[in-house]
N, C-alpha and C. Protein backbone atom coordinates (compact mmCIF):
# COMPACT_ATOMS: atom_id res chain seq x y z
N UNK A 1 2.70 -26.38 -24.27
CA UNK A 1 2.88 -25.92 -25.39
C UNK A 1 3.00 -26.42 -26.50
N UNK A 2 2.77 -25.79 -27.77
CA UNK A 2 2.66 -26.26 -28.83
C UNK A 2 3.79 -25.95 -29.44
N UNK A 3 4.78 -26.87 -30.35
CA UNK A 3 6.25 -26.55 -30.55
C UNK A 3 5.98 -26.89 -32.24
N UNK A 4 4.93 -27.34 -32.44
CA UNK A 4 5.16 -27.39 -33.87
C UNK A 4 3.36 -26.36 -34.66
N UNK A 5 3.02 -25.80 -34.28
CA UNK A 5 2.13 -25.00 -34.82
C UNK A 5 1.80 -25.36 -36.66
N UNK A 6 2.59 -25.52 -37.48
CA UNK A 6 2.56 -25.16 -38.89
C UNK A 6 1.42 -26.42 -39.59
N UNK A 7 0.29 -26.02 -39.66
CA UNK A 7 -0.61 -27.07 -41.08
C UNK A 7 0.17 -27.79 -41.77
N UNK A 8 -0.04 -29.07 -41.95
CA UNK A 8 0.78 -29.91 -43.21
C UNK A 8 -0.93 -30.66 -43.55
N UNK A 9 -1.01 -30.34 -44.79
CA UNK A 9 -1.97 -31.14 -45.85
C UNK A 9 -1.84 -31.72 -47.02
N UNK A 10 -0.95 -32.39 -47.02
CA UNK A 10 -0.25 -33.15 -47.86
C UNK A 10 1.50 -32.94 -48.34
N UNK A 11 1.76 -33.71 -49.47
CA UNK A 11 3.28 -33.41 -50.11
C UNK A 11 3.56 -31.92 -49.91
N UNK A 12 2.63 -31.54 -50.86
CA UNK A 12 2.95 -29.81 -51.20
C UNK A 12 2.88 -28.92 -50.52
N UNK A 13 2.28 -29.22 -49.31
CA UNK A 13 2.56 -28.32 -48.25
C UNK A 13 4.05 -28.48 -47.07
N UNK A 14 3.97 -30.06 -47.47
CA UNK A 14 5.35 -30.72 -46.46
C UNK A 14 6.10 -29.94 -46.96
N UNK A 15 6.13 -30.09 -48.40
CA UNK A 15 7.57 -29.63 -49.03
C UNK A 15 8.53 -28.50 -49.09
N UNK A 16 7.22 -27.42 -48.87
CA UNK A 16 7.08 -25.88 -48.78
C UNK A 16 8.39 -25.85 -47.24
N UNK A 17 8.00 -26.52 -46.64
CA UNK A 17 8.16 -26.24 -44.99
C UNK A 17 9.72 -27.16 -44.31
N UNK A 18 9.83 -28.41 -45.29
CA UNK A 18 10.04 -29.59 -44.31
C UNK A 18 11.95 -28.90 -44.56
N UNK A 19 12.35 -28.31 -44.62
CA UNK A 19 14.03 -27.54 -44.66
C UNK A 19 13.84 -25.95 -44.00
N UNK A 20 12.59 -25.52 -43.47
CA UNK A 20 12.91 -24.19 -42.79
C UNK A 20 12.93 -24.56 -41.17
N UNK A 21 14.03 -24.34 -41.31
CA UNK A 21 15.18 -24.29 -39.68
C UNK A 21 13.97 -23.61 -38.86
N UNK A 22 13.50 -22.34 -38.55
CA UNK A 22 12.70 -21.85 -37.91
C UNK A 22 10.93 -22.18 -37.70
N UNK A 23 11.09 -23.28 -38.66
CA UNK A 23 9.85 -24.06 -38.30
C UNK A 23 10.02 -25.13 -37.47
N UNK A 24 10.94 -25.65 -37.45
CA UNK A 24 11.23 -26.96 -36.28
C UNK A 24 12.23 -26.86 -35.35
N UNK A 25 12.65 -25.65 -34.76
CA UNK A 25 13.61 -24.82 -33.88
C UNK A 25 12.81 -25.25 -33.15
N UNK A 26 11.94 -24.78 -32.54
CA UNK A 26 10.97 -25.30 -31.15
C UNK A 26 11.16 -26.72 -31.05
N UNK A 27 10.61 -27.49 -31.85
CA UNK A 27 10.43 -28.64 -31.84
C UNK A 27 11.80 -29.44 -31.77
N UNK A 28 12.86 -29.09 -31.98
CA UNK A 28 13.93 -29.84 -31.92
C UNK A 28 14.86 -29.20 -30.58
N UNK A 29 15.05 -27.51 -30.40
CA UNK A 29 15.20 -27.20 -29.04
C UNK A 29 14.73 -28.22 -27.79
N UNK A 30 13.24 -28.50 -27.79
CA UNK A 30 13.06 -29.72 -27.13
C UNK A 30 13.78 -30.71 -27.13
N UNK A 31 13.61 -31.65 -27.78
CA UNK A 31 14.17 -32.65 -28.07
C UNK A 31 15.72 -32.76 -27.57
N UNK A 32 16.75 -31.76 -28.06
CA UNK A 32 17.64 -32.07 -27.38
C UNK A 32 17.83 -31.52 -25.60
N UNK A 33 16.64 -30.34 -25.12
CA UNK A 33 16.68 -30.49 -23.30
C UNK A 33 16.42 -31.22 -23.20
N UNK A 34 15.45 -32.29 -23.57
CA UNK A 34 14.53 -33.55 -22.90
C UNK A 34 15.87 -34.77 -23.22
N UNK A 35 16.63 -34.82 -23.92
CA UNK A 35 17.48 -35.74 -23.72
C UNK A 35 18.86 -35.42 -23.39
N UNK A 36 18.60 -34.07 -23.22
CA UNK A 36 19.84 -33.42 -22.25
C UNK A 36 21.11 -33.51 -22.87
N UNK A 37 20.75 -33.38 -24.17
CA UNK A 37 22.36 -33.31 -25.30
C UNK A 37 22.25 -31.49 -25.67
N UNK A 38 24.01 -31.41 -25.63
CA UNK A 38 24.12 -30.11 -26.18
C UNK A 38 23.58 -29.66 -27.08
N UNK A 39 22.66 -28.19 -27.53
CA UNK A 39 22.33 -27.39 -28.64
C UNK A 39 23.17 -26.90 -29.24
N UNK A 40 22.83 -26.62 -30.24
CA UNK A 40 23.53 -25.70 -31.23
C UNK A 40 23.03 -25.11 -32.49
N UNK A 41 23.70 -24.35 -32.94
CA UNK A 41 23.26 -24.11 -34.45
C UNK A 41 22.77 -24.95 -35.39
N UNK A 42 21.20 -25.15 -35.44
CA UNK A 42 20.76 -26.08 -36.58
C UNK A 42 21.30 -25.76 -37.96
N UNK A 43 21.64 -26.33 -38.35
CA UNK A 43 22.59 -26.58 -39.98
C UNK A 43 22.02 -27.70 -40.72
N UNK A 44 21.51 -27.13 -42.32
CA UNK A 44 20.61 -28.14 -43.43
C UNK A 44 21.30 -29.06 -43.32
N UNK A 45 21.09 -30.23 -43.59
CA UNK A 45 21.65 -31.59 -44.42
C UNK A 45 20.59 -32.00 -46.01
N UNK A 46 21.32 -32.69 -46.26
CA UNK A 46 20.92 -32.90 -48.10
C UNK A 46 19.28 -33.31 -48.15
N UNK A 47 18.85 -32.33 -48.59
CA UNK A 47 17.47 -32.83 -48.89
C UNK A 47 16.98 -33.70 -49.36
N UNK A 48 15.99 -34.23 -48.81
CA UNK A 48 15.22 -35.54 -49.15
C UNK A 48 13.51 -35.54 -49.00
N UNK A 49 12.83 -36.21 -48.37
CA UNK A 49 11.73 -35.94 -47.88
C UNK A 49 11.48 -35.76 -46.68
N UNK A 50 12.11 -36.17 -46.18
CA UNK A 50 12.06 -35.90 -44.19
C UNK A 50 12.51 -34.49 -43.88
N UNK A 51 12.22 -33.95 -42.85
CA UNK A 51 13.29 -32.32 -42.41
C UNK A 51 14.13 -33.20 -41.84
N UNK A 52 15.18 -33.15 -42.46
CA UNK A 52 16.75 -33.75 -41.65
C UNK A 52 17.51 -32.72 -41.09
N UNK A 53 18.12 -32.28 -40.26
CA UNK A 53 18.97 -31.46 -40.54
C UNK A 53 20.01 -31.84 -38.97
N UNK A 54 21.71 -30.66 -38.71
CA UNK A 54 22.04 -31.32 -38.30
C UNK A 54 22.69 -29.82 -37.13
N UNK A 55 22.72 -30.96 -36.07
CA UNK A 55 22.76 -29.70 -34.69
C UNK A 55 24.84 -30.26 -34.17
N UNK A 56 25.71 -29.35 -34.14
CA UNK A 56 26.44 -30.54 -33.68
C UNK A 56 27.33 -31.91 -33.93
N UNK A 57 27.19 -32.12 -33.31
CA UNK A 57 27.44 -33.34 -34.08
C UNK A 57 26.73 -34.50 -33.84
N UNK A 58 24.85 -33.92 -34.15
CA UNK A 58 24.09 -34.75 -34.05
C UNK A 58 23.56 -34.66 -35.57
N UNK A 59 22.55 -35.85 -35.82
CA UNK A 59 21.82 -35.10 -37.06
C UNK A 59 20.00 -35.77 -36.73
N UNK A 60 19.34 -34.73 -36.67
CA UNK A 60 17.77 -34.93 -36.18
C UNK A 60 17.17 -35.57 -37.64
N UNK A 61 15.88 -35.77 -37.40
CA UNK A 61 15.09 -36.53 -38.49
C UNK A 61 13.79 -36.48 -38.13
N UNK A 62 12.97 -35.68 -38.68
CA UNK A 62 11.63 -35.81 -38.36
C UNK A 62 10.47 -36.25 -39.54
N UNK A 63 10.10 -36.71 -39.09
CA UNK A 63 9.20 -37.69 -39.98
C UNK A 63 7.53 -36.40 -39.57
N UNK A 64 6.84 -35.96 -41.21
CA UNK A 64 5.43 -35.59 -40.81
C UNK A 64 4.78 -36.74 -40.55
N UNK A 65 3.30 -35.91 -39.68
CA UNK A 65 2.84 -36.98 -39.01
C UNK A 65 1.69 -37.57 -39.91
N UNK A 66 1.65 -38.95 -39.84
CA UNK A 66 0.60 -39.53 -40.57
C UNK A 66 -0.74 -38.94 -40.84
N UNK A 67 -1.43 -38.34 -39.92
CA UNK A 67 -2.70 -37.73 -40.16
C UNK A 67 -2.20 -36.15 -41.06
N UNK A 68 -1.54 -35.63 -41.36
CA UNK A 68 -0.92 -34.83 -42.84
C UNK A 68 -1.10 -35.44 -43.85
N UNK A 69 -1.53 -36.64 -43.56
CA UNK A 69 -1.59 -36.98 -45.39
C UNK A 69 -0.43 -38.01 -46.00
N UNK A 70 0.64 -37.76 -45.09
CA UNK A 70 1.99 -38.38 -45.58
C UNK A 70 2.23 -39.56 -44.64
N UNK A 71 2.55 -40.48 -45.41
CA UNK A 71 2.90 -41.70 -44.67
C UNK A 71 4.48 -42.12 -45.31
N UNK A 72 5.65 -41.20 -44.73
CA UNK A 72 6.80 -41.89 -44.66
C UNK A 72 7.39 -43.25 -43.80
N UNK A 73 6.63 -44.24 -43.84
CA UNK A 73 7.17 -45.31 -42.78
C UNK A 73 7.80 -45.55 -44.24
N UNK A 74 7.88 -46.17 -45.31
CA UNK A 74 8.69 -47.08 -46.18
C UNK A 74 10.45 -46.19 -45.73
N UNK A 75 10.44 -45.05 -45.45
CA UNK A 75 11.31 -44.82 -45.31
C UNK A 75 12.72 -44.70 -44.44
N UNK A 76 11.71 -45.31 -43.05
CA UNK A 76 12.06 -45.19 -41.32
C UNK A 76 13.12 -45.84 -41.88
């Protein structure tokens, strides 16, 4: 099952979607199930350059893959 299906091809496309909860919800839910963490409402965090969301007591940070033309390695 594809948990993330939106095409990313550089900073412009990433900038339009990295704070869109509906885009990342399937991926976030999958991570919480896999890690056996309680899943609740997904909320926004202060925007930066990565997809960062709050779920209950947890903050989840999702990096764009290098294949997208975005290299966020220095931020990790």
